[in-house]
């Protein structure tokens, strides 16, 4: 006599626990990836938001000597010297008063100030002279202040003063033909 066997699907308890563990692993992995991405975005944002200090701040605090900093100052046009064979630029920047709302006027006053205590010599190597390197241009420099009192720049950014000239009605026009 033949016996008939029926097949029934049984639900094993370990299979459902295994499924829950897989979901938990997936969620934990997702949170770790999301957390790592958020951390990288936040850290890059803060490290990229590099502010600059003024010439007065740099010269008044000896802790800046030898440290990489970003500074801002007004270019003194008559001090610009360029060695085109060795690609070396030397010039002086002056402290820009941060209390002044009119940038063009602040640059004009800074360049006209003859106080040597508020000026800083700058030396840059392996740099082609930019066209915007002129009197009263705002220079934003990254580099280190040497023991000798010279700022050794590795990066130079310039803002052209002619962009702001309309805002300075009493500024004298010097040099060049109109």
Protein backbone atom coordinates (compact mmCIF):
# COMPACT_ATOMS: atom_id res chain seq x y z
CA UNK A 1 0.00 0.00 0.00
CA UNK A 2 1.31 3.39 -0.88
CA UNK A 3 1.30 6.19 1.53
CA UNK A 4 0.69 9.66 0.34
CA UNK A 5 2.88 12.47 1.64
CA UNK A 6 1.83 16.05 1.47
CA UNK A 7 4.25 18.85 1.25
CA UNK A 8 3.57 21.85 3.33
CA UNK A 9 5.58 24.99 3.51
CA UNK A 10 6.66 25.71 7.03
CA UNK A 11 7.84 29.05 8.29
CA UNK A 12 11.03 28.68 10.20
CA UNK A 13 11.66 31.14 12.96
CA UNK A 14 15.40 31.50 12.13
CA UNK A 15 14.57 32.71 8.60
CA UNK A 16 12.54 35.68 9.88
CA UNK A 17 15.29 36.56 12.37
CA UNK A 18 17.81 36.37 9.55
CA UNK A 19 15.67 38.76 7.49
CA UNK A 20 15.50 41.25 10.37
CA UNK A 21 19.28 41.10 10.86
CA UNK A 22 19.81 41.83 7.14
CA UNK A 23 17.50 44.86 7.35
CA UNK A 24 19.36 46.09 10.42
CA UNK A 25 22.73 45.70 8.64
CA UNK A 26 21.39 47.63 5.66
CA UNK A 27 20.09 50.48 7.85
CA UNK A 28 23.31 50.72 9.87
CA UNK A 29 25.40 50.72 6.67
CA UNK A 30 23.18 53.43 5.17
CA UNK A 31 23.49 55.61 8.25
CA UNK A 32 27.29 55.18 8.27
CA UNK A 33 27.56 56.18 4.62
CA UNK A 34 25.22 59.14 5.13
CA UNK A 35 27.17 60.22 8.23
CA UNK A 36 30.50 60.01 6.38
CA UNK A 37 29.19 62.11 3.49
CA UNK A 38 27.74 64.72 5.86
CA UNK A 39 31.04 64.86 7.80
CA UNK A 40 33.07 65.40 4.61
CA UNK A 41 30.74 68.14 3.37
CA UNK A 42 30.82 70.00 6.69
CA UNK A 43 34.60 69.73 7.11
CA UNK A 44 35.25 70.92 3.53
CA UNK A 45 32.92 73.85 4.03
CA UNK A 46 34.69 75.00 7.18
CA UNK A 47 38.20 74.48 5.82
CA UNK A 48 37.34 76.33 2.60
CA UNK A 49 35.93 79.31 4.48
CA UNK A 50 39.31 80.82 5.07
CA UNK A 51 39.13 84.42 6.24
CA UNK A 52 41.95 86.91 6.03
CA UNK A 53 43.57 89.06 8.66
CA UNK A 54 44.68 92.67 8.34
CA UNK A 55 48.24 93.94 8.07
CA UNK A 56 47.97 95.50 11.56
CA UNK A 57 46.83 92.20 13.07
CA UNK A 58 49.67 90.32 11.40
CA UNK A 59 52.36 92.77 12.48
CA UNK A 60 51.08 93.19 16.05
CA UNK A 61 50.94 89.51 16.98
CA UNK A 62 54.20 87.50 16.95
CA UNK A 63 52.32 84.17 16.93
CA UNK A 64 51.76 84.63 13.17
CA UNK A 65 55.49 84.49 12.34
CA UNK A 66 56.10 81.30 10.35
CA UNK A 67 52.42 80.33 10.17
CA UNK A 68 50.47 80.17 6.92
CA UNK A 69 47.89 82.96 6.95
CA UNK A 70 45.74 84.89 4.51
CA UNK A 71 46.05 88.68 4.64
CA UNK A 72 44.55 91.64 2.85
CA UNK A 73 46.08 94.99 2.06
CA UNK A 74 46.19 97.86 -0.43
CA UNK A 75 49.01 97.70 -2.99
CA UNK A 76 51.42 100.65 -2.94
CA UNK A 77 52.01 101.14 -6.66
CA UNK A 78 55.41 102.85 -6.52
CA UNK A 79 56.91 99.86 -4.64
CA UNK A 80 56.14 97.25 -7.31
CA UNK A 81 59.29 95.59 -8.66
CA UNK A 82 59.14 92.72 -11.14
CA UNK A 83 61.99 90.48 -12.26
CA UNK A 84 60.66 88.94 -15.48
CA UNK A 85 63.65 86.59 -15.90
CA UNK A 86 63.25 84.93 -12.50
CA UNK A 87 59.49 85.60 -12.13
CA UNK A 88 59.85 87.40 -8.81
CA UNK A 89 57.50 90.13 -7.65
CA UNK A 90 58.26 92.44 -4.72
CA UNK A 91 55.86 95.13 -3.52
CA UNK A 92 54.43 96.62 -0.36
CA UNK A 93 50.89 96.49 0.95
CA UNK A 94 49.28 98.85 3.44
CA UNK A 95 46.69 98.22 6.13
CA UNK A 96 43.09 98.77 4.97
CA UNK A 97 40.81 100.30 7.59
CA UNK A 98 37.96 97.84 8.06
CA UNK A 99 35.69 100.51 9.59
CA UNK A 100 35.22 102.26 6.24
CA UNK A 101 32.12 101.21 4.27
CA UNK A 102 33.43 102.54 0.94
CA UNK A 103 36.12 100.10 -0.27
CA UNK A 104 37.49 102.41 -2.97
CA UNK A 105 37.97 105.22 -0.48
CA UNK A 106 39.49 102.83 2.08
CA UNK A 107 41.99 101.60 -0.55
CA UNK A 108 42.82 105.19 -1.49
CA UNK A 109 43.42 106.18 2.15
CA UNK A 110 45.51 103.07 2.82
CA UNK A 111 47.77 103.69 -0.19
CA UNK A 112 48.14 107.37 0.72
CA UNK A 113 49.04 106.62 4.37
CA UNK A 114 52.82 107.04 4.71
CA UNK A 115 53.02 105.32 8.10
CA UNK A 116 55.61 102.57 7.72
CA UNK A 117 54.23 100.80 10.80
CA UNK A 118 51.12 99.94 8.79
CA UNK A 119 52.97 98.61 5.72
CA UNK A 120 54.25 95.15 4.89
CA UNK A 121 56.77 94.15 2.21
CA UNK A 122 55.68 91.18 0.09
CA UNK A 123 57.84 88.73 -1.89
CA UNK A 124 56.42 86.24 -4.40
CA UNK A 125 58.45 83.79 -6.50
CA UNK A 126 57.47 81.89 -9.66
CA UNK A 127 54.65 84.32 -10.41
CA UNK A 128 53.97 86.21 -13.63
CA UNK A 129 53.06 89.81 -12.86
CA UNK A 130 49.28 90.13 -13.02
CA UNK A 131 47.80 93.03 -14.99
CA UNK A 132 45.72 94.03 -11.96
CA UNK A 133 48.81 94.54 -9.78
CA UNK A 134 48.65 98.33 -9.58
CA UNK A 135 48.36 101.16 -7.11
CA UNK A 136 45.38 100.92 -4.73
CA UNK A 137 44.44 97.39 -5.80
CA UNK A 138 43.26 95.18 -2.97
CA UNK A 139 45.66 92.24 -2.61
CA UNK A 140 44.61 89.09 -0.81
CA UNK A 141 47.70 87.00 -0.13
CA UNK A 142 48.33 83.56 1.32
CA UNK A 143 51.75 82.85 2.75
CA UNK A 144 54.02 83.18 5.78
CA UNK A 145 55.54 86.12 7.61
CA UNK A 146 59.28 85.59 7.84
CA UNK A 147 61.54 86.45 10.76
CA UNK A 148 62.91 89.28 8.59
CA UNK A 149 59.51 91.03 8.47
CA UNK A 150 58.83 90.13 4.82
CA UNK A 151 55.64 88.31 3.86
CA UNK A 152 56.52 85.37 1.59
CA UNK A 153 53.38 84.78 -0.44
CA UNK A 154 52.44 81.59 -2.24
CA UNK A 155 49.13 82.86 -3.62
CA UNK A 156 48.06 86.29 -4.84
CA UNK A 157 44.50 87.42 -5.58
CA UNK A 158 43.77 90.98 -6.69
CA UNK A 159 40.67 93.13 -6.82
CA UNK A 160 40.88 95.93 -9.33
CA UNK A 161 40.40 99.43 -7.86
CA UNK A 162 38.91 100.80 -11.10
CA UNK A 163 35.80 98.82 -10.30
CA UNK A 164 35.20 101.15 -7.39
CA UNK A 165 36.35 104.48 -8.89
CA UNK A 166 32.85 105.86 -9.42
CA UNK A 167 32.36 105.71 -5.66
CA UNK A 168 35.27 108.11 -4.98
CA UNK A 169 34.19 111.53 -6.35
CA UNK A 170 37.12 113.57 -4.98
CA UNK A 171 39.91 111.16 -5.88
CA UNK A 172 42.55 112.74 -8.09
CA UNK A 173 43.23 111.09 -11.43
CA UNK A 174 46.97 110.68 -11.91
CA UNK A 175 48.96 109.38 -14.86
CA UNK A 176 47.75 108.33 -18.28
CA UNK A 177 45.73 110.14 -20.89
CA UNK A 178 42.01 110.61 -20.63
